[in-house]
């Protein structure tokens, strides 16, 4: 799955796409090792946090 971070996509749309991607990873991980799932989930949380911080900076610029 490819994520498009173009200006034509709102932050909420990108977040929904990312959450759907994590959900698909969750179901795929049910068939695989739990360690691999934990590894993916950890980096998913890190990326989600970075997106959240970036969205806050863009939405509320420091003046």
Protein backbone atom coordinates (compact mmCIF):
# COMPACT_ATOMS: atom_id res chain seq x y z
CA UNK A 1 0.00 0.00 0.00
CA UNK A 2 1.34 3.42 -0.98
CA UNK A 3 0.53 6.52 1.03
CA UNK A 4 0.11 9.79 -0.82
CA UNK A 5 0.95 12.80 1.30
CA UNK A 6 -0.03 15.29 -1.37
CA UNK A 7 -1.76 18.55 -0.56
CA UNK A 8 -4.97 17.22 -2.11
CA UNK A 9 -5.38 14.88 0.87
CA UNK A 10 -6.53 16.19 4.22
CA UNK A 11 -4.80 15.16 7.45
CA UNK A 12 -7.87 13.17 8.52
CA UNK A 13 -7.92 11.25 5.24
CA UNK A 14 -4.25 10.36 5.56
CA UNK A 15 -4.82 9.26 9.15
CA UNK A 16 -7.73 7.06 8.11
CA UNK A 17 -5.62 5.47 5.37
CA UNK A 18 -2.81 4.87 7.86
CA UNK A 19 -5.16 3.33 10.44
CA UNK A 20 -6.64 1.07 7.76
CA UNK A 21 -3.10 0.03 6.84
CA UNK A 22 -2.37 -0.84 10.50
CA UNK A 23 -5.65 -2.77 10.67
CA UNK A 24 -4.70 -4.80 7.60
CA UNK A 25 -1.32 -5.48 9.19
CA UNK A 26 -3.11 -6.68 12.33
CA UNK A 27 -5.13 -9.30 10.47
CA UNK A 28 -2.11 -10.33 8.40
CA UNK A 29 -0.05 -10.69 11.57
CA UNK A 30 -2.59 -13.17 12.97
CA UNK A 31 -1.10 -15.69 10.55
CA UNK A 32 2.50 -14.82 11.45
CA UNK A 33 4.78 -14.56 14.43
CA UNK A 34 3.76 -12.32 17.33
CA UNK A 35 7.25 -10.83 17.50
CA UNK A 36 6.97 -9.58 13.91
CA UNK A 37 3.55 -8.09 14.71
CA UNK A 38 4.96 -6.29 17.76
CA UNK A 39 7.83 -4.99 15.62
CA UNK A 40 5.46 -3.57 13.01
CA UNK A 41 3.10 -2.17 15.65
CA UNK A 42 5.94 -0.35 17.41
CA UNK A 43 7.10 1.44 14.25
CA UNK A 44 3.46 2.08 13.34
CA UNK A 45 3.02 3.97 16.61
CA UNK A 46 6.24 5.92 16.02
CA UNK A 47 5.15 6.93 12.51
CA UNK A 48 1.66 7.81 13.74
CA UNK A 49 3.17 10.04 16.43
CA UNK A 50 5.35 11.80 13.86
CA UNK A 51 2.31 12.38 11.63
CA UNK A 52 0.37 13.77 14.61
CA UNK A 53 3.18 16.16 15.55
CA UNK A 54 3.61 17.24 11.92
CA UNK A 55 -0.13 17.84 11.63
CA UNK A 56 -0.12 20.00 14.77
CA UNK A 57 2.80 22.07 13.46
CA UNK A 58 1.08 22.59 10.12
CA UNK A 59 -2.32 23.34 11.66
CA UNK A 60 -1.00 25.60 14.42
CA UNK A 61 2.14 27.35 13.15
CA UNK A 62 4.25 29.13 15.71
CA UNK A 63 4.24 32.87 15.09
